[in-house]
Amino acid sequence: MNTDSLFKPFSLKSLKIKNRIVMAPMTRSFSPNGVPTADVAAYYRKRAEGEVGLILSEGTVINRPSSSNDASVPHFYGTNALSGWENVIDSVHSEGGAMGPQIWHMGVMNNHQSGWLPPVPFEGPSGINKLGTDPGRTMTDSDIADTIASFGQAAADAKALGFDCVEIHGAHGYLIDQFFWDETNQRSDIYGGKILAERSRFAIEVIKEVRKRVGEDFAVIIRLSQFKPSAYDYKMAKNGQEMEAWLTPLADAGVDIFHCSQRRFWEPEFADSDLNFAGWAKKVTGKPTITVGSVGLSGDFFGAFAGESSQPSSLDELMRRFDRGDFDLVGVGRALLSDPLWVQKTREGHTNELKGFTAAALGELVV
């Protein structure tokens, strides 16, 4: 296994990184009252020290009263939270790393297991989630306008704090994805529609607002998924033509990089090609893409949350696809959560020293 090509620099607008490895966003819930602590800064600093090219933060919520279902998920608004994030990015930069926050609105959610609730009901395109369960509140036009503005403000704050890029969370059944999906978006106004292109209007307006607030030279990433947490095999785009119709308007609105989430990166997206999601996104848009999904581990992340462990696995198939040019960057999640030196060990060929993943790692910030 030769991984040399993973260690070539990558540059796009404000983003200049020393290798092609991206730490994928992973919810950690270690920020009391939404404020990242010194421990959070040390956690990210350790990954920068371990030679991660680009760190994408855990999801960090925008300024909406019910954007979060967890009091310990970090905010990306308010003086205290932004001060905490400034400490994080300064710590990462001190080790020569690059970082972007993932800005997030959860949409209509289950109540958190802790019993904590936001001050107002959860909100979404039609007030529903997961095939009509977990009712929340349908967003009004003014709610939508305020939410779009809040995404833009979070992105502007990221740039002002010195982050290298920003990622919009548009995947995994959260708010933007709830607008994409016909099961959760049953609106009859301009934010609804029978086809995916029509239901993409909200995402497009978010992207345009983010782009307006950060300018043309700041890198903007969007994370997308075909699957839903309640429908693992679901595909919003059923073929390459539908994917092109979905993603091209997002690129035109201002997306620089598509972060394409799969359960397993090696699985082809459609039956007529072995290209995965990131491969197809790059093919139809011409934009750089990040692949992610069980890189370097034997099991997928859904199993992890069910308590399953994973062992280190070969990168041979990943390198075959990467060297073929299917995608430009590689997202690594749980392997980096457990082992902050995963990148360094991989670069040096010390694969026998790589650590597996256990669910216990979800309960701590490993440094």
Protein backbone atom coordinates (compact mmCIF):
# COMPACT_ATOMS: atom_id res chain seq x y z
CA MET A 1 0.00 0.00 0.00
CA ASN A 2 1.46 3.32 -1.09
CA THR A 3 -0.24 6.37 0.40
CA ASP A 4 2.20 9.02 -0.86
CA SER A 5 -0.41 10.79 -2.98
CA LEU A 6 -2.51 11.46 0.14
CA PHE A 7 0.30 13.66 1.39
CA LYS A 8 0.38 16.15 -1.45
CA PRO A 9 -0.73 19.72 -0.61
CA PHE A 10 -4.17 21.02 -1.59
CA SER A 11 -5.09 24.64 -2.16
CA LEU A 12 -8.39 26.30 -3.00
CA LYS A 13 -9.14 29.95 -2.24
CA SER A 14 -8.59 30.52 1.51
CA LEU A 15 -7.91 26.83 2.11
CA LYS A 16 -4.28 25.77 1.97
CA ILE A 17 -3.55 22.39 3.53
CA LYS A 18 -0.49 20.16 3.70
CA ASN A 19 -2.19 16.87 2.81
CA ARG A 20 -5.48 15.44 1.58
CA ILE A 21 -6.77 14.08 4.90
CA VAL A 22 -9.78 15.74 6.51
CA MET A 23 -10.99 15.14 10.04
CA ALA A 24 -14.70 14.58 9.55
CA PRO A 25 -17.22 16.35 11.81
CA MET A 26 -18.30 14.21 14.76
CA THR A 27 -20.75 15.37 17.42
CA ARG A 28 -19.00 15.32 20.80
CA SER A 29 -21.27 17.20 23.27
CA PHE A 30 -18.48 18.47 25.52
CA SER A 31 -19.39 22.19 25.41
CA PRO A 32 -21.53 23.05 28.46
CA ASN A 33 -24.22 25.60 27.62
CA GLY A 34 -22.87 25.65 24.07
CA VAL A 35 -19.43 27.04 24.96
CA PRO A 36 -16.31 25.16 23.75
CA THR A 37 -13.91 24.61 26.65
CA ALA A 38 -10.12 24.44 26.88
CA ASP A 39 -10.48 20.65 26.64
CA VAL A 40 -12.21 21.04 23.27
CA ALA A 41 -9.37 23.25 22.07
CA ALA A 42 -6.81 20.69 23.24
CA TYR A 43 -8.71 17.91 21.43
CA TYR A 44 -8.55 19.70 18.09
CA ARG A 45 -5.00 20.93 18.67
CA LYS A 46 -3.87 17.33 19.16
CA ARG A 47 -5.25 16.36 15.72
CA ALA A 48 -3.43 19.30 14.13
CA GLU A 49 -0.26 18.21 15.89
CA GLY A 50 -0.88 14.73 14.48
CA GLU A 51 -0.71 16.16 10.93
CA VAL A 52 -4.39 16.22 9.93
CA GLY A 53 -4.56 18.41 6.82
CA LEU A 54 -8.00 19.96 7.44
CA ILE A 55 -10.06 19.69 10.61
CA LEU A 56 -13.80 20.12 10.24
CA SER A 57 -15.35 20.77 13.63
CA GLU A 58 -18.16 18.89 15.23
CA GLY A 59 -21.52 20.34 14.26
CA THR A 60 -21.94 23.77 15.85
CA VAL A 61 -25.38 25.32 15.81
CA ILE A 62 -26.50 28.65 14.40
CA ASN A 63 -28.46 31.33 16.23
CA ARG A 64 -32.00 29.94 16.24
CA PRO A 65 -33.87 29.13 19.48
CA SER A 66 -34.42 25.45 18.60
CA SER A 67 -31.42 24.77 16.37
CA SER A 68 -30.13 22.19 18.88
CA ASN A 69 -31.59 19.34 20.92
CA ASP A 70 -28.53 19.06 23.21
CA ALA A 71 -27.35 21.68 25.72
CA SER A 72 -23.74 20.47 25.36
CA VAL A 73 -23.51 20.83 21.58
CA PRO A 74 -21.46 23.96 20.84
CA HIS A 75 -23.00 27.17 19.56
CA PHE A 76 -21.51 29.33 16.83
CA TYR A 77 -23.02 32.53 18.13
CA GLY A 78 -22.80 34.62 21.28
CA THR A 79 -19.74 36.20 22.85
CA ASN A 80 -18.76 33.29 25.09
CA ALA A 81 -19.09 30.59 22.45
CA LEU A 82 -17.28 32.59 19.78
CA SER A 83 -14.49 33.33 22.24
CA GLY A 84 -14.21 29.59 22.84
CA TRP A 85 -13.98 28.95 19.10
CA GLU A 86 -11.34 31.64 18.74
CA ASN A 87 -9.26 29.70 21.27
CA VAL A 88 -9.83 26.54 19.24
CA ILE A 89 -8.70 27.98 15.92
CA ASP A 90 -5.71 29.71 17.49
CA SER A 91 -4.68 26.36 19.02
CA VAL A 92 -5.02 24.56 15.70
CA HIS A 93 -3.06 27.24 13.84
CA SER A 94 -0.30 27.07 16.45
CA GLU A 95 0.37 23.50 15.27
CA GLY A 96 0.27 24.40 11.59
CA GLY A 97 -3.21 22.98 11.04
CA ALA A 98 -6.22 24.32 9.13
CA MET A 99 -9.82 24.21 10.29
CA GLY A 100 -13.38 25.10 9.40
CA PRO A 101 -16.49 24.99 11.59
CA GLN A 102 -19.45 22.93 10.48
CA ILE A 103 -22.47 25.22 10.90
CA TRP A 104 -25.68 23.42 11.66
CA HIS A 105 -29.40 23.57 12.37
CA MET A 106 -30.86 20.24 13.46
CA GLY A 107 -34.43 20.86 12.35
CA VAL A 108 -37.20 18.71 13.85
CA MET A 109 -35.55 16.33 16.31
CA ASN A 110 -36.24 13.71 18.92
CA ASN A 111 -36.03 14.97 22.47
CA HIS A 112 -32.54 14.46 23.85
CA GLN A 113 -32.01 11.52 26.22
CA SER A 114 -30.96 13.97 28.95
CA GLY A 115 -34.45 15.45 28.98
CA TRP A 116 -33.17 18.90 28.02
CA LEU A 117 -35.41 20.84 25.66
CA PRO A 118 -34.90 24.08 23.73
CA PRO A 119 -37.01 27.06 24.82
CA VAL A 120 -39.33 26.75 21.81
CA PRO A 121 -40.54 23.75 19.74
CA PHE A 122 -38.31 22.24 17.08
CA GLU A 123 -38.84 23.71 13.62
CA GLY A 124 -38.67 22.28 10.13
CA PRO A 125 -40.10 22.64 6.63
CA SER A 126 -43.31 20.85 7.57
CA GLY A 127 -42.87 20.24 11.29
CA ILE A 128 -42.21 16.52 10.79
CA ASN A 129 -39.26 14.14 10.73
CA LYS A 130 -38.68 10.43 10.18
CA LEU A 131 -41.70 9.64 8.03
CA GLY A 132 -44.08 11.85 9.97
CA THR A 133 -43.06 11.13 13.54
CA ASP A 134 -41.72 13.59 16.13
CA PRO A 135 -43.93 16.56 15.26
CA GLY A 136 -42.46 20.02 15.52
CA ARG A 137 -43.43 23.41 14.15
CA THR A 138 -43.72 24.34 10.47
CA MET A 139 -41.41 27.23 9.65
CA THR A 140 -42.99 30.48 8.48
CA ASP A 141 -41.51 32.68 5.78
CA SER A 142 -39.97 34.89 8.45
CA ASP A 143 -38.51 31.84 10.23
CA ILE A 144 -36.90 30.77 6.98
CA ALA A 145 -35.52 34.25 6.30
CA ASP A 146 -34.10 34.51 9.82
CA THR A 147 -32.53 31.05 9.55
CA ILE A 148 -30.87 31.88 6.23
CA ALA A 149 -29.51 35.07 7.79
CA SER A 150 -28.22 33.12 10.80
CA PHE A 151 -26.29 30.72 8.55
CA GLY A 152 -24.74 33.75 6.86
CA GLN A 153 -23.82 35.38 10.17
CA ALA A 154 -22.18 32.18 11.43
CA ALA A 155 -20.09 31.95 8.27
CA ALA A 156 -19.08 35.61 8.56
CA ASP A 157 -18.07 35.03 12.18
CA ALA A 158 -16.00 32.01 11.15
CA LYS A 159 -14.07 34.14 8.69
CA ALA A 160 -13.63 36.94 11.21
CA LEU A 161 -12.26 34.53 13.82
CA GLY A 162 -9.60 33.31 11.40
CA PHE A 163 -10.98 29.95 10.29
CA ASP A 164 -9.73 28.68 6.93
CA CYS A 165 -13.11 27.67 5.48
CA VAL A 166 -16.67 26.91 6.53
CA GLU A 167 -18.84 23.82 6.07
CA ILE A 168 -22.63 23.92 5.82
CA HIS A 169 -24.31 20.81 7.24
CA GLY A 170 -26.83 19.70 4.64
CA ALA A 171 -26.86 15.95 5.38
CA HIS A 172 -28.13 13.20 7.68
CA GLY A 173 -31.75 14.26 8.11
CA TYR A 174 -31.12 17.66 9.68
CA LEU A 175 -32.80 20.92 8.66
CA ILE A 176 -31.39 21.50 5.17
CA ASP A 177 -31.80 17.80 4.40
CA GLN A 178 -35.38 17.93 5.70
CA PHE A 179 -36.07 20.52 3.00
CA PHE A 180 -34.49 18.23 0.35
CA TRP A 181 -36.56 15.16 1.30
CA ASP A 182 -40.13 14.84 0.08
CA GLU A 183 -41.13 12.86 3.20
CA THR A 184 -40.26 15.79 5.49
CA ASN A 185 -40.94 18.67 3.10
CA GLN A 186 -44.63 18.75 2.23
CA ARG A 187 -44.82 22.49 1.67
CA SER A 188 -46.86 23.95 -1.16
CA ASP A 189 -44.98 27.25 -1.33
CA ILE A 190 -41.70 28.14 -3.08
CA TYR A 191 -39.69 26.05 -0.58
CA GLY A 192 -41.58 22.85 -1.39
CA GLY A 193 -42.18 20.97 -4.61
CA LYS A 194 -42.63 17.60 -6.26
CA ILE A 195 -39.05 17.34 -7.51
CA LEU A 196 -35.74 17.62 -5.67
CA ALA A 197 -34.65 20.67 -7.66
CA GLU A 198 -37.66 22.58 -6.32
CA ARG A 199 -37.07 21.42 -2.75
CA SER A 200 -33.44 22.63 -3.01
CA ARG A 201 -34.44 26.30 -2.92
CA PHE A 202 -33.79 26.65 0.83
CA ALA A 203 -30.31 25.15 0.52
CA ILE A 204 -29.51 27.37 -2.44
CA GLU A 205 -30.57 30.49 -0.54
CA VAL A 206 -28.46 29.44 2.46
CA ILE A 207 -25.43 28.93 0.22
CA LYS A 208 -25.94 32.26 -1.53
CA GLU A 209 -26.20 34.08 1.79
CA VAL A 210 -23.06 32.38 3.11
CA ARG A 211 -21.20 33.27 -0.07
CA LYS A 212 -22.36 36.88 0.14
CA ARG A 213 -21.20 37.18 3.75
CA VAL A 214 -17.75 35.59 3.29
CA GLY A 215 -16.87 36.86 -0.20
CA GLU A 216 -15.60 35.00 -3.23
CA ASP A 217 -12.18 34.08 -1.84
CA PHE A 218 -13.31 32.10 1.23
CA ALA A 219 -13.76 28.34 0.74
CA VAL A 220 -17.31 27.03 1.28
CA ILE A 221 -18.00 23.31 1.74
CA ILE A 222 -21.36 21.56 1.97
CA ARG A 223 -21.87 18.14 3.49
CA LEU A 224 -24.54 16.04 1.82
CA SER A 225 -25.87 12.50 2.11
CA GLN A 226 -28.22 10.43 0.03
CA PHE A 227 -29.21 8.19 2.94
CA LYS A 228 -31.36 9.22 5.91
CA PRO A 229 -30.81 7.96 9.47
CA SER A 230 -34.30 6.47 9.26
CA ALA A 231 -33.78 5.13 5.71
CA TYR A 232 -30.22 3.91 5.21
CA ASP A 233 -30.73 2.75 1.62
CA TYR A 234 -32.59 5.84 0.43
CA LYS A 235 -31.26 7.80 -2.54
CA MET A 236 -32.68 11.22 -3.32
CA ALA A 237 -30.93 11.16 -6.71
CA LYS A 238 -31.62 7.82 -8.36
CA ASN A 239 -29.05 8.16 -11.15
CA GLY A 240 -26.30 10.40 -12.46
CA GLN A 241 -28.68 12.70 -14.32
CA GLU A 242 -30.74 13.34 -11.20
CA MET A 243 -27.57 13.93 -9.19
CA GLU A 244 -26.38 16.49 -11.72
CA ALA A 245 -29.74 18.27 -11.54
CA TRP A 246 -29.46 18.34 -7.72
CA LEU A 247 -25.83 19.35 -7.27
CA THR A 248 -25.17 21.74 -10.16
CA PRO A 249 -27.44 24.50 -8.76
CA LEU A 250 -25.70 24.15 -5.38
CA ALA A 251 -22.33 24.59 -7.09
CA ASP A 252 -23.65 27.57 -9.03
CA ALA A 253 -24.90 29.12 -5.75
CA GLY A 254 -21.37 29.11 -4.32
CA VAL A 255 -20.25 25.68 -3.11
CA ASP A 256 -16.52 25.09 -3.65
CA ILE A 257 -16.23 21.53 -2.27
CA PHE A 258 -18.81 18.76 -1.88
CA HIS A 259 -18.39 16.58 1.22
CA CYS A 260 -20.16 13.34 0.29
CA SER A 261 -21.21 11.21 3.24
CA GLN A 262 -21.66 7.46 2.83
CA ARG A 263 -21.82 4.62 5.31
CA ARG A 264 -19.03 2.83 3.37
CA PHE A 265 -16.91 4.77 0.88
CA TRP A 266 -16.28 1.72 -1.33
CA GLU A 267 -19.93 1.17 -2.22
CA PRO A 268 -20.94 2.37 -5.71
CA GLU A 269 -23.65 5.00 -5.76
CA PHE A 270 -25.48 3.65 -8.83
CA ALA A 271 -25.57 0.25 -10.48
CA ASP A 272 -24.03 1.29 -13.81
CA SER A 273 -20.69 2.49 -12.39
CA ASP A 274 -18.31 1.77 -9.53
CA LEU A 275 -18.08 5.50 -8.70
CA ASN A 276 -19.05 6.31 -5.14
CA PHE A 277 -21.02 9.41 -4.11
CA ALA A 278 -17.93 11.65 -4.10
CA GLY A 279 -16.90 10.28 -7.48
CA TRP A 280 -20.26 11.10 -9.00
CA ALA A 281 -20.38 14.56 -7.39
CA LYS A 282 -17.00 15.42 -8.89
CA LYS A 283 -18.02 14.01 -12.28
CA VAL A 284 -21.25 16.00 -12.57
CA THR A 285 -20.11 19.31 -11.06
CA GLY A 286 -16.37 19.44 -11.77
CA LYS A 287 -15.87 20.59 -8.18
CA PRO A 288 -13.43 19.01 -5.70
CA THR A 289 -14.99 16.43 -3.41
CA ILE A 290 -14.36 14.79 -0.04
CA THR A 291 -15.16 11.10 0.33
CA VAL A 292 -16.00 9.76 3.77
CA GLY A 293 -17.45 6.59 5.26
CA SER A 294 -15.61 3.92 7.28
CA VAL A 295 -12.17 4.97 6.02
CA GLY A 296 -9.50 2.94 7.81
CA LEU A 297 -11.95 0.92 9.91
CA SER A 298 -13.79 -2.36 9.51
CA GLY A 299 -17.26 -1.21 10.62
CA ASP A 300 -19.50 1.75 9.83
CA PHE A 301 -20.45 4.62 12.10
CA PHE A 302 -24.03 3.50 12.65
CA GLY A 303 -22.66 0.36 14.28
CA ALA A 304 -20.43 2.53 16.45
CA PHE A 305 -23.42 4.28 17.97
CA ALA A 306 -24.94 0.87 18.63
CA GLY A 307 -21.87 -0.02 20.68
CA GLU A 308 -19.93 -1.96 18.06
CA SER A 309 -16.14 -1.83 17.87
CA SER A 310 -14.07 -1.58 14.68
CA GLN A 311 -10.56 -2.66 13.80
CA PRO A 312 -8.04 -0.95 11.50
CA SER A 313 -8.50 -1.93 7.87
CA SER A 314 -6.58 -1.63 4.62
CA LEU A 315 -6.49 1.58 2.60
CA ASP A 316 -5.82 -0.25 -0.67
CA GLU A 317 -9.28 0.31 -2.14
CA LEU A 318 -9.30 3.92 -1.00
CA MET A 319 -5.96 4.55 -2.71
CA ARG A 320 -7.09 2.86 -5.91
CA ARG A 321 -10.02 5.24 -6.17
CA PHE A 322 -8.06 8.29 -4.99
CA ASP A 323 -5.21 7.72 -7.44
CA ARG A 324 -7.77 7.24 -10.21
CA GLY A 325 -8.97 10.78 -9.47
CA ASP A 326 -12.44 9.94 -8.15
CA PHE A 327 -12.15 12.47 -5.32
CA ASP A 328 -9.69 15.03 -3.98
CA LEU A 329 -9.83 14.74 -0.21
CA VAL A 330 -10.47 11.92 2.25
CA GLY A 331 -12.57 12.31 5.39
CA VAL A 332 -11.55 10.25 8.41
CA GLY A 333 -13.89 10.13 11.39
CA ARG A 334 -13.83 7.51 14.13
CA ALA A 335 -10.24 6.46 13.44
CA LEU A 336 -9.13 10.01 14.33
CA LEU A 337 -11.52 10.20 17.25
CA SER A 338 -9.72 7.25 18.87
CA ASP A 339 -6.20 7.91 17.58
CA PRO A 340 -5.04 11.52 17.14
CA LEU A 341 -1.81 10.26 15.52
CA TRP A 342 -3.59 8.21 12.82
CA VAL A 343 -2.36 10.47 9.99
CA GLN A 344 1.23 10.50 11.16
CA LYS A 345 1.29 6.72 11.61
CA THR A 346 -0.22 6.21 8.17
CA ARG A 347 2.29 8.54 6.51
CA GLU A 348 5.21 6.79 8.20
CA GLY A 349 3.90 3.32 7.34
CA HIS A 350 3.40 2.33 10.98
CA THR A 351 0.09 0.63 10.27
CA ASN A 352 0.75 -1.97 12.97
CA GLU A 353 0.45 0.86 15.51
CA LEU A 354 -2.98 2.05 14.37
CA LYS A 355 -5.72 1.81 16.97
CA GLY A 356 -9.18 0.39 16.51
CA PHE A 357 -12.35 2.13 17.62
CA THR A 358 -14.52 1.30 20.60
CA ALA A 359 -17.76 2.95 21.64
CA ALA A 360 -16.05 4.05 24.86
CA ALA A 361 -14.18 6.67 22.81
CA LEU A 362 -17.48 8.48 22.27
CA GLY A 363 -17.54 9.28 25.97
CA GLU A 364 -14.26 11.21 26.13
CA LEU A 365 -12.07 13.68 24.28
CA VAL A 366 -9.02 11.57 23.49
CA VAL A 367 -5.81 13.63 23.47
